């Protein structure tokens, strides 16, 4: 099965994944319920320092007890890519994750396209040797990683498509939108292959990305704001529902 077919078999042509920043299990459950009630097809769990990566499986299991059909992915932010893949592979049901997202899939567009990308290939080889069959979302031209020149974005996207199920990119930082020109260049290079975006999507700008993006991984754009700033650990139910309706219309 091709990666493109694998993604579309799960989600169709477009999917919305609220990203749950882990604070506590109880709050993660509240956020998961908001996502489910809004119509999101899945969620990603991520740790930004308030808890350990090793807590994510237990929190995922708690979410599954309430929402057994919900697709659940994870970003083990403080593990290396290979360690994260190995860790996920060892997890058995009900700890199983449906998806793994890494910020740096180790794609090197500076090599010739037909040259093996050793880093990306190592991750792909590790995955092939494992029993885990979930979807791999690989960060390419991603925030806080080695910059990729605009002229090299199509090459980076094409190379990435050989090693993952969904090519994921971002804007320059957390909560910052990606230039539409960047997204367009990468999608034109990918064709039908799935492209994801993982920063800066809001109700106000989502419309501009719809022609190019298949997977929307969203956190800042759906979090609560008490007037003093965003609370990255709490979803705003109205924002989640409005954005889901916009993306999945």
C-alpha atoms as a PDB file:
ATOM      1  CA  UNK A   1       0.000   0.000   0.000  1.00  0.00           C
ATOM      2  CA  UNK A   2       1.425   3.398  -0.880  1.00  0.00           C
ATOM      3  CA  UNK A   3       1.759   6.013   1.861  1.00  0.00           C
ATOM      4  CA  UNK A   4      -0.710   8.231   0.043  1.00  0.00           C
ATOM      5  CA  UNK A   5      -3.281   5.457  -0.014  1.00  0.00           C
ATOM      6  CA  UNK A   6      -2.579   4.598   3.611  1.00  0.00           C
ATOM      7  CA  UNK A   7      -3.326   8.155   4.722  1.00  0.00           C
ATOM      8  CA  UNK A   8      -6.425   8.516   2.574  1.00  0.00           C
ATOM      9  CA  UNK A   9      -7.728   5.150   3.750  1.00  0.00           C
ATOM     10  CA  UNK A  10      -7.706   6.464   7.298  1.00  0.00           C
ATOM     11  CA  UNK A  11      -8.805  10.039   6.717  1.00  0.00           C
ATOM     12  CA  UNK A  12      -9.792  10.788   3.138  1.00  0.00           C
ATOM     13  CA  UNK A  13      -8.093  13.778   1.564  1.00  0.00           C
ATOM     14  CA  UNK A  14      -7.880  15.981   4.675  1.00  0.00           C
ATOM     15  CA  UNK A  15      -7.542  15.527   8.423  1.00  0.00           C
ATOM     16  CA  UNK A  16      -7.550  17.745  11.509  1.00  0.00           C
ATOM     17  CA  UNK A  17      -5.406  16.799  14.515  1.00  0.00           C
ATOM     18  CA  UNK A  18      -5.641  18.978  17.640  1.00  0.00           C
ATOM     19  CA  UNK A  19      -2.276  18.741  19.428  1.00  0.00           C
ATOM     20  CA  UNK A  20      -2.642  18.119  23.159  1.00  0.00           C
ATOM     21  CA  UNK A  21       0.226  19.551  25.205  1.00  0.00           C
ATOM     22  CA  UNK A  22       0.412  17.357  28.276  1.00  0.00           C
ATOM     23  CA  UNK A  23      -0.039  18.934  31.688  1.00  0.00           C
ATOM     24  CA  UNK A  24      -2.162  16.384  33.529  1.00  0.00           C
ATOM     25  CA  UNK A  25      -4.124  13.300  32.567  1.00  0.00           C
ATOM     26  CA  UNK A  26      -7.407  14.882  33.560  1.00  0.00           C
ATOM     27  CA  UNK A  27      -6.801  17.928  31.380  1.00  0.00           C
ATOM     28  CA  UNK A  28      -5.702  15.716  28.475  1.00  0.00           C
ATOM     29  CA  UNK A  29      -9.033  13.894  28.736  1.00  0.00           C
ATOM     30  CA  UNK A  30     -10.947  17.167  28.668  1.00  0.00           C
ATOM     31  CA  UNK A  31      -9.040  18.267  25.554  1.00  0.00           C
ATOM     32  CA  UNK A  32      -9.593  14.899  23.881  1.00  0.00           C
ATOM     33  CA  UNK A  33     -13.332  15.170  24.518  1.00  0.00           C
ATOM     34  CA  UNK A  34     -13.372  18.649  22.983  1.00  0.00           C
ATOM     35  CA  UNK A  35     -11.558  17.301  19.915  1.00  0.00           C
ATOM     36  CA  UNK A  36     -13.938  14.366  19.525  1.00  0.00           C
ATOM     37  CA  UNK A  37     -17.043  16.500  19.938  1.00  0.00           C
ATOM     38  CA  UNK A  38     -15.707  18.928  17.316  1.00  0.00           C
ATOM     39  CA  UNK A  39     -15.343  16.118  14.778  1.00  0.00           C
ATOM     40  CA  UNK A  40     -11.531  15.859  14.694  1.00  0.00           C
ATOM     41  CA  UNK A  41     -10.365  12.534  13.280  1.00  0.00           C
ATOM     42  CA  UNK A  42      -7.513  12.225  15.750  1.00  0.00           C
ATOM     43  CA  UNK A  43      -5.207  13.927  18.217  1.00  0.00           C
ATOM     44  CA  UNK A  44      -1.486  14.137  18.823  1.00  0.00           C
ATOM     45  CA  UNK A  45       0.003  14.090  22.310  1.00  0.00           C
ATOM     46  CA  UNK A  46       3.173  16.069  22.971  1.00  0.00           C
ATOM     47  CA  UNK A  47       5.222  16.906  26.044  1.00  0.00           C
ATOM     48  CA  UNK A  48       6.675  20.390  26.354  1.00  0.00           C
ATOM     49  CA  UNK A  49       8.360  20.022  29.713  1.00  0.00           C
ATOM     50  CA  UNK A  50       5.647  19.657  32.347  1.00  0.00           C
ATOM     51  CA  UNK A  51       5.824  15.875  32.202  1.00  0.00           C
ATOM     52  CA  UNK A  52       7.976  13.052  30.912  1.00  0.00           C
ATOM     53  CA  UNK A  53       7.774  11.520  27.446  1.00  0.00           C
ATOM     54  CA  UNK A  54       7.273   8.223  29.246  1.00  0.00           C
ATOM     55  CA  UNK A  55       3.908   9.425  30.587  1.00  0.00           C
ATOM     56  CA  UNK A  56       2.417   9.678  27.101  1.00  0.00           C
ATOM     57  CA  UNK A  57       1.489   5.968  26.739  1.00  0.00           C
ATOM     58  CA  UNK A  58      -0.444   5.950  30.019  1.00  0.00           C
ATOM     59  CA  UNK A  59      -2.278   9.121  29.049  1.00  0.00           C
ATOM     60  CA  UNK A  60      -3.023   7.657  25.620  1.00  0.00           C
ATOM     61  CA  UNK A  61      -4.448   4.551  27.291  1.00  0.00           C
ATOM     62  CA  UNK A  62      -6.666   6.691  29.515  1.00  0.00           C
ATOM     63  CA  UNK A  63      -7.968   8.556  26.465  1.00  0.00           C
ATOM     64  CA  UNK A  64      -8.658   5.247  24.682  1.00  0.00           C
ATOM     65  CA  UNK A  65     -10.779   4.029  27.562  1.00  0.00           C
ATOM     66  CA  UNK A  66     -13.175   6.908  26.915  1.00  0.00           C
ATOM     67  CA  UNK A  67     -12.736   7.206  23.143  1.00  0.00           C
ATOM     68  CA  UNK A  68     -11.750   3.753  21.835  1.00  0.00           C
ATOM     69  CA  UNK A  69     -12.106   4.703  18.155  1.00  0.00           C
ATOM     70  CA  UNK A  70     -10.053   7.889  18.341  1.00  0.00           C
ATOM     71  CA  UNK A  71      -6.819   7.922  16.303  1.00  0.00           C
ATOM     72  CA  UNK A  72      -3.956   8.874  18.665  1.00  0.00           C
ATOM     73  CA  UNK A  73      -0.470   9.951  17.647  1.00  0.00           C
ATOM     74  CA  UNK A  74       2.485  11.221  19.673  1.00  0.00           C
ATOM     75  CA  UNK A  75       5.548  13.405  19.430  1.00  0.00           C
ATOM     76  CA  UNK A  76       8.195  12.246  21.914  1.00  0.00           C
ATOM     77  CA  UNK A  77       9.926  15.587  21.928  1.00  0.00           C
ATOM     78  CA  UNK A  78      12.839  14.669  24.184  1.00  0.00           C
ATOM     79  CA  UNK A  79      13.719  11.339  22.562  1.00  0.00           C
ATOM     80  CA  UNK A  80      15.827  10.865  19.482  1.00  0.00           C
ATOM     81  CA  UNK A  81      13.914   9.752  16.414  1.00  0.00           C
ATOM     82  CA  UNK A  82      15.252   6.199  16.575  1.00  0.00           C
ATOM     83  CA  UNK A  83      14.600   5.959  20.316  1.00  0.00           C
ATOM     84  CA  UNK A  84      11.034   7.180  19.765  1.00  0.00           C
ATOM     85  CA  UNK A  85      10.432   4.617  17.015  1.00  0.00           C
ATOM     86  CA  UNK A  86      11.880   1.837  19.154  1.00  0.00           C
ATOM     87  CA  UNK A  87       9.821   2.918  22.139  1.00  0.00           C
ATOM     88  CA  UNK A  88       6.586   3.020  20.144  1.00  0.00           C
ATOM     89  CA  UNK A  89       7.322  -0.405  18.654  1.00  0.00           C
ATOM     90  CA  UNK A  90       7.581  -1.974  22.101  1.00  0.00           C
ATOM     91  CA  UNK A  91       4.194  -0.685  23.178  1.00  0.00           C
ATOM     92  CA  UNK A  92       1.370  -3.169  22.959  1.00  0.00           C
ATOM     93  CA  UNK A  93      -2.371  -2.545  22.968  1.00  0.00           C
ATOM     94  CA  UNK A  94      -3.910  -0.640  24.711  1.00  0.00           C
ATOM     95  CA  UNK A  95      -0.766   1.551  24.766  1.00  0.00           C
ATOM     96  CA  UNK A  96      -0.416   1.391  20.996  1.00  0.00           C
ATOM     97  CA  UNK A  97      -0.027   4.652  19.096  1.00  0.00           C
ATOM     98  CA  UNK A  98      -1.566   5.107  15.660  1.00  0.00           C
ATOM     99  CA  UNK A  99       0.936   7.738  14.595  1.00  0.00           C
ATOM    100  CA  UNK A 100       4.421   9.031  15.332  1.00  0.00           C
ATOM    101  CA  UNK A 101       5.476  12.603  14.557  1.00  0.00           C
ATOM    102  CA  UNK A 102       9.098  13.752  14.674  1.00  0.00           C
ATOM    103  CA  UNK A 103      10.304  17.307  14.166  1.00  0.00           C
ATOM    104  CA  UNK A 104      13.382  16.334  12.153  1.00  0.00           C
ATOM    105  CA  UNK A 105      13.088  13.408   9.758  1.00  0.00           C
ATOM    106  CA  UNK A 106      16.769  13.925   8.820  1.00  0.00           C
ATOM    107  CA  UNK A 107      16.106  14.665   5.167  1.00  0.00           C
ATOM    108  CA  UNK A 108      19.069  16.291   3.416  1.00  0.00           C
ATOM    109  CA  UNK A 109      18.032  18.066   0.227  1.00  0.00           C
ATOM    110  CA  UNK A 110      21.650  19.049  -0.462  1.00  0.00           C
ATOM    111  CA  UNK A 111      22.320  15.543  -1.723  1.00  0.00           C
ATOM    112  CA  UNK A 112      21.369  14.412  -5.196  1.00  0.00           C
ATOM    113  CA  UNK A 113      17.804  13.118  -5.231  1.00  0.00           C
ATOM    114  CA  UNK A 114      18.895   9.613  -6.195  1.00  0.00           C
ATOM    115  CA  UNK A 115      21.564   9.479  -3.455  1.00  0.00           C
ATOM    116  CA  UNK A 116      20.599   7.678  -0.249  1.00  0.00           C
ATOM    117  CA  UNK A 117      19.726  10.098   2.548  1.00  0.00           C
ATOM    118  CA  UNK A 118      21.591   8.264   5.268  1.00  0.00           C
ATOM    119  CA  UNK A 119      19.790   9.826   8.222  1.00  0.00           C
ATOM    120  CA  UNK A 120      16.312   9.516   6.761  1.00  0.00           C
ATOM    121  CA  UNK A 121      17.110   6.054   5.458  1.00  0.00           C
ATOM    122  CA  UNK A 122      18.265   4.952   8.897  1.00  0.00           C
ATOM    123  CA  UNK A 123      14.928   5.948  10.369  1.00  0.00           C
ATOM    124  CA  UNK A 124      13.045   4.213   7.552  1.00  0.00           C
ATOM    125  CA  UNK A 125      15.126   1.057   7.984  1.00  0.00           C
ATOM    126  CA  UNK A 126      14.519   1.063  11.733  1.00  0.00           C
ATOM    127  CA  UNK A 127      10.809   1.394  11.135  1.00  0.00           C
ATOM    128  CA  UNK A 128      10.761  -1.417   8.560  1.00  0.00           C
ATOM    129  CA  UNK A 129      12.419  -3.745  11.058  1.00  0.00           C
ATOM    130  CA  UNK A 130       9.696  -3.094  13.614  1.00  0.00           C
ATOM    131  CA  UNK A 131       6.226  -4.513  14.002  1.00  0.00           C
ATOM    132  CA  UNK A 132       4.653  -1.079  14.386  1.00  0.00           C
ATOM    133  CA  UNK A 133       2.404  -0.228  11.431  1.00  0.00           C
ATOM    134  CA  UNK A 134       1.222   3.269  12.304  1.00  0.00           C
ATOM    135  CA  UNK A 135       1.575   6.441  10.226  1.00  0.00           C
ATOM    136  CA  UNK A 136       4.916   8.248  10.340  1.00  0.00           C
ATOM    137  CA  UNK A 137       4.742  12.061  10.140  1.00  0.00           C
ATOM    138  CA  UNK A 138       8.246  13.341   9.346  1.00  0.00           C
ATOM    139  CA  UNK A 139       9.308  16.937   9.929  1.00  0.00           C
ATOM    140  CA  UNK A 140      10.831  18.460   6.787  1.00  0.00           C
ATOM    141  CA  UNK A 141      11.935  22.098   6.458  1.00  0.00           C
ATOM    142  CA  UNK A 142      10.601  22.288  10.003  1.00  0.00           C
ATOM    143  CA  UNK A 143      10.849  24.982  12.679  1.00  0.00           C
ATOM    144  CA  UNK A 144      13.991  25.103  14.828  1.00  0.00           C
ATOM    145  CA  UNK A 145      15.796  22.655  12.512  1.00  0.00           C
ATOM    146  CA  UNK A 146      18.429  23.304   9.854  1.00  0.00           C
ATOM    147  CA  UNK A 147      16.996  25.923   7.455  1.00  0.00           C
ATOM    148  CA  UNK A 148      16.095  24.845   3.911  1.00  0.00           C
ATOM    149  CA  UNK A 149      16.513  27.375   1.114  1.00  0.00           C
ATOM    150  CA  UNK A 150      13.344  28.229  -0.792  1.00  0.00           C
ATOM    151  CA  UNK A 151      14.776  26.905  -4.049  1.00  0.00           C
ATOM    152  CA  UNK A 152      15.431  23.553  -2.367  1.00  0.00           C
ATOM    153  CA  UNK A 153      11.976  23.062  -0.873  1.00  0.00           C
ATOM    154  CA  UNK A 154      10.652  20.957  -3.801  1.00  0.00           C
ATOM    155  CA  UNK A 155      13.695  18.690  -3.628  1.00  0.00           C
ATOM    156  CA  UNK A 156      13.363  18.306   0.137  1.00  0.00           C
ATOM    157  CA  UNK A 157       9.689  17.402  -0.214  1.00  0.00           C
ATOM    158  CA  UNK A 158      10.297  14.834  -2.951  1.00  0.00           C
ATOM    159  CA  UNK A 159      13.109  13.158  -1.023  1.00  0.00           C
ATOM    160  CA  UNK A 160      11.036  13.115   2.157  1.00  0.00           C
ATOM    161  CA  UNK A 161       8.176  11.324   0.423  1.00  0.00           C
ATOM    162  CA  UNK A 162      10.377   8.225   0.033  1.00  0.00           C
ATOM    163  CA  UNK A 163      10.824   7.818   3.768  1.00  0.00           C
ATOM    164  CA  UNK A 164       7.546   8.661   5.531  1.00  0.00           C
ATOM    165  CA  UNK A 165       3.758   8.549   5.304  1.00  0.00           C
ATOM    166  CA  UNK A 166       3.119  12.277   5.704  1.00  0.00           C
ATOM    167  CA  UNK A 167       5.615  15.062   5.021  1.00  0.00           C
ATOM    168  CA  UNK A 168       5.137  17.653   7.774  1.00  0.00           C
ATOM    169  CA  UNK A 169       6.426  21.208   7.621  1.00  0.00           C
ATOM    170  CA  UNK A 170       5.840  24.395   9.597  1.00  0.00           C
ATOM    171  CA  UNK A 171       6.306  28.125   9.856  1.00  0.00           C
ATOM    172  CA  UNK A 172       9.457  29.615  11.395  1.00  0.00           C
ATOM    173  CA  UNK A 173       8.345  29.065  14.989  1.00  0.00           C
ATOM    174  CA  UNK A 174       5.629  27.892  17.347  1.00  0.00           C
ATOM    175  CA  UNK A 175       2.369  29.637  16.529  1.00  0.00           C
ATOM    176  CA  UNK A 176       3.845  31.279  13.426  1.00  0.00           C
ATOM    177  CA  UNK A 177       2.220  30.659  10.054  1.00  0.00           C
ATOM    178  CA  UNK A 178       4.183  29.269   7.130  1.00  0.00           C
ATOM    179  CA  UNK A 179       4.447  31.320   3.961  1.00  0.00           C
ATOM    180  CA  UNK A 180       1.868  30.113   1.467  1.00  0.00           C
ATOM    181  CA  UNK A 181       4.592  30.097  -1.191  1.00  0.00           C
ATOM    182  CA  UNK A 182       6.531  27.521   0.868  1.00  0.00           C
ATOM    183  CA  UNK A 183       3.498  25.289   1.229  1.00  0.00           C
ATOM    184  CA  UNK A 184       2.605  25.625  -2.450  1.00  0.00           C
ATOM    185  CA  UNK A 185       6.132  24.712  -3.596  1.00  0.00           C
ATOM    186  CA  UNK A 186       6.232  21.631  -1.408  1.00  0.00           C
ATOM    187  CA  UNK A 187       2.761  20.442  -2.383  1.00  0.00           C
ATOM    188  CA  UNK A 188       3.421  20.913  -6.086  1.00  0.00           C
ATOM    189  CA  UNK A 189       6.500  18.729  -5.683  1.00  0.00           C
ATOM    190  CA  UNK A 190       4.565  16.091  -3.726  1.00  0.00           C
ATOM    191  CA  UNK A 191       1.514  15.841  -5.954  1.00  0.00           C
ATOM    192  CA  UNK A 192      -0.989  13.466  -4.338  1.00  0.00           C
ATOM    193  CA  UNK A 193       1.403  12.563  -1.522  1.00  0.00           C
ATOM    194  CA  UNK A 194       0.131  13.905   1.848  1.00  0.00           C
ATOM    195  CA  UNK A 195       1.501  17.199   3.174  1.00  0.00           C
ATOM    196  CA  UNK A 196       0.976  18.255   6.778  1.00  0.00           C
ATOM    197  CA  UNK A 197       1.482  21.568   8.554  1.00  0.00           C
ATOM    198  CA  UNK A 198       2.218  21.949  12.251  1.00  0.00           C
ATOM    199  CA  UNK A 199       2.289  25.612  13.177  1.00  0.00           C
ATOM    200  CA  UNK A 200       0.385  28.845  12.843  1.00  0.00           C
ATOM    201  CA  UNK A 201      -2.988  27.581  11.625  1.00  0.00           C
ATOM    202  CA  UNK A 202      -5.947  29.641  12.840  1.00  0.00           C
ATOM    203  CA  UNK A 203      -9.575  30.090  11.895  1.00  0.00           C
ATOM    204  CA  UNK A 204      -8.565  33.310  10.159  1.00  0.00           C
ATOM    205  CA  UNK A 205      -5.914  31.823   7.844  1.00  0.00           C
ATOM    206  CA  UNK A 206      -6.890  28.159   7.413  1.00  0.00           C
ATOM    207  CA  UNK A 207      -8.739  28.877   4.172  1.00  0.00           C
ATOM    208  CA  UNK A 208      -5.479  29.834   2.440  1.00  0.00           C
ATOM    209  CA  UNK A 209      -3.904  26.441   3.187  1.00  0.00           C
ATOM    210  CA  UNK A 210      -6.823  24.215   2.231  1.00  0.00           C
ATOM    211  CA  UNK A 211      -5.789  23.762  -1.429  1.00  0.00           C
ATOM    212  CA  UNK A 212      -2.369  22.430  -0.420  1.00  0.00           C
ATOM    213  CA  UNK A 213      -2.475  20.784   3.010  1.00  0.00           C
ATOM    214  CA  UNK A 214      -3.836  17.345   3.862  1.00  0.00           C
ATOM    215  CA  UNK A 215      -3.014  17.123   7.574  1.00  0.00           C
ATOM    216  CA  UNK A 216      -3.516  20.039   9.951  1.00  0.00           C
ATOM    217  CA  UNK A 217      -1.736  19.644  13.302  1.00  0.00           C
ATOM    218  CA  UNK A 218      -2.951  22.544  15.438  1.00  0.00           C
ATOM    219  CA  UNK A 219      -2.294  23.746  18.972  1.00  0.00           C
ATOM    220  CA  UNK A 220      -1.770  27.497  19.417  1.00  0.00           C
ATOM    221  CA  UNK A 221      -4.678  28.390  17.140  1.00  0.00           C
ATOM    222  CA  UNK A 222      -7.164  26.467  19.296  1.00  0.00           C
ATOM    223  CA  UNK A 223      -5.902  27.143  22.805  1.00  0.00           C
ATOM    224  CA  UNK A 224      -7.568  29.267  25.475  1.00  0.00           C
ATOM    225  CA  UNK A 225      -6.684  32.929  25.855  1.00  0.00           C
ATOM    226  CA  UNK A 226      -7.503  34.625  29.143  1.00  0.00           C
ATOM    227  CA  UNK A 227      -6.518  38.067  27.919  1.00  0.00           C
ATOM    228  CA  UNK A 228      -3.005  37.696  29.308  1.00  0.00           C
ATOM    229  CA  UNK A 229      -1.841  35.216  26.688  1.00  0.00           C
ATOM    230  CA  UNK A 230      -2.449  31.707  25.424  1.00  0.00           C
ATOM    231  CA  UNK A 231      -2.799  28.727  27.736  1.00  0.00           C
ATOM    232  CA  UNK A 232      -1.214  26.027  25.585  1.00  0.00           C
ATOM    233  CA  UNK A 233      -2.563  23.272  27.813  1.00  0.00           C
ATOM    234  CA  UNK A 234      -6.277  24.062  27.431  1.00  0.00           C
ATOM    235  CA  UNK A 235      -8.377  23.938  24.293  1.00  0.00           C
ATOM    236  CA  UNK A 236     -11.037  26.521  23.545  1.00  0.00           C
ATOM    237  CA  UNK A 237     -13.994  24.359  22.518  1.00  0.00           C
ATOM    238  CA  UNK A 238     -15.452  27.050  20.241  1.00  0.00           C
ATOM    239  CA  UNK A 239     -12.151  27.521  18.401  1.00  0.00           C
ATOM    240  CA  UNK A 240     -11.714  23.773  17.962  1.00  0.00           C
ATOM    241  CA  UNK A 241     -15.218  23.307  16.556  1.00  0.00           C
ATOM    242  CA  UNK A 242     -14.978  26.334  14.249  1.00  0.00           C
ATOM    243  CA  UNK A 243     -11.615  25.244  12.888  1.00  0.00           C
ATOM    244  CA  UNK A 244     -12.777  21.654  12.425  1.00  0.00           C
ATOM    245  CA  UNK A 245     -15.757  22.880  10.442  1.00  0.00           C
ATOM    246  CA  UNK A 246     -13.499  25.060   8.308  1.00  0.00           C
ATOM    247  CA  UNK A 247     -10.905  22.351   7.573  1.00  0.00           C
ATOM    248  CA  UNK A 248     -13.265  19.423   7.132  1.00  0.00           C
ATOM    249  CA  UNK A 249     -16.048  21.140   5.204  1.00  0.00           C
END
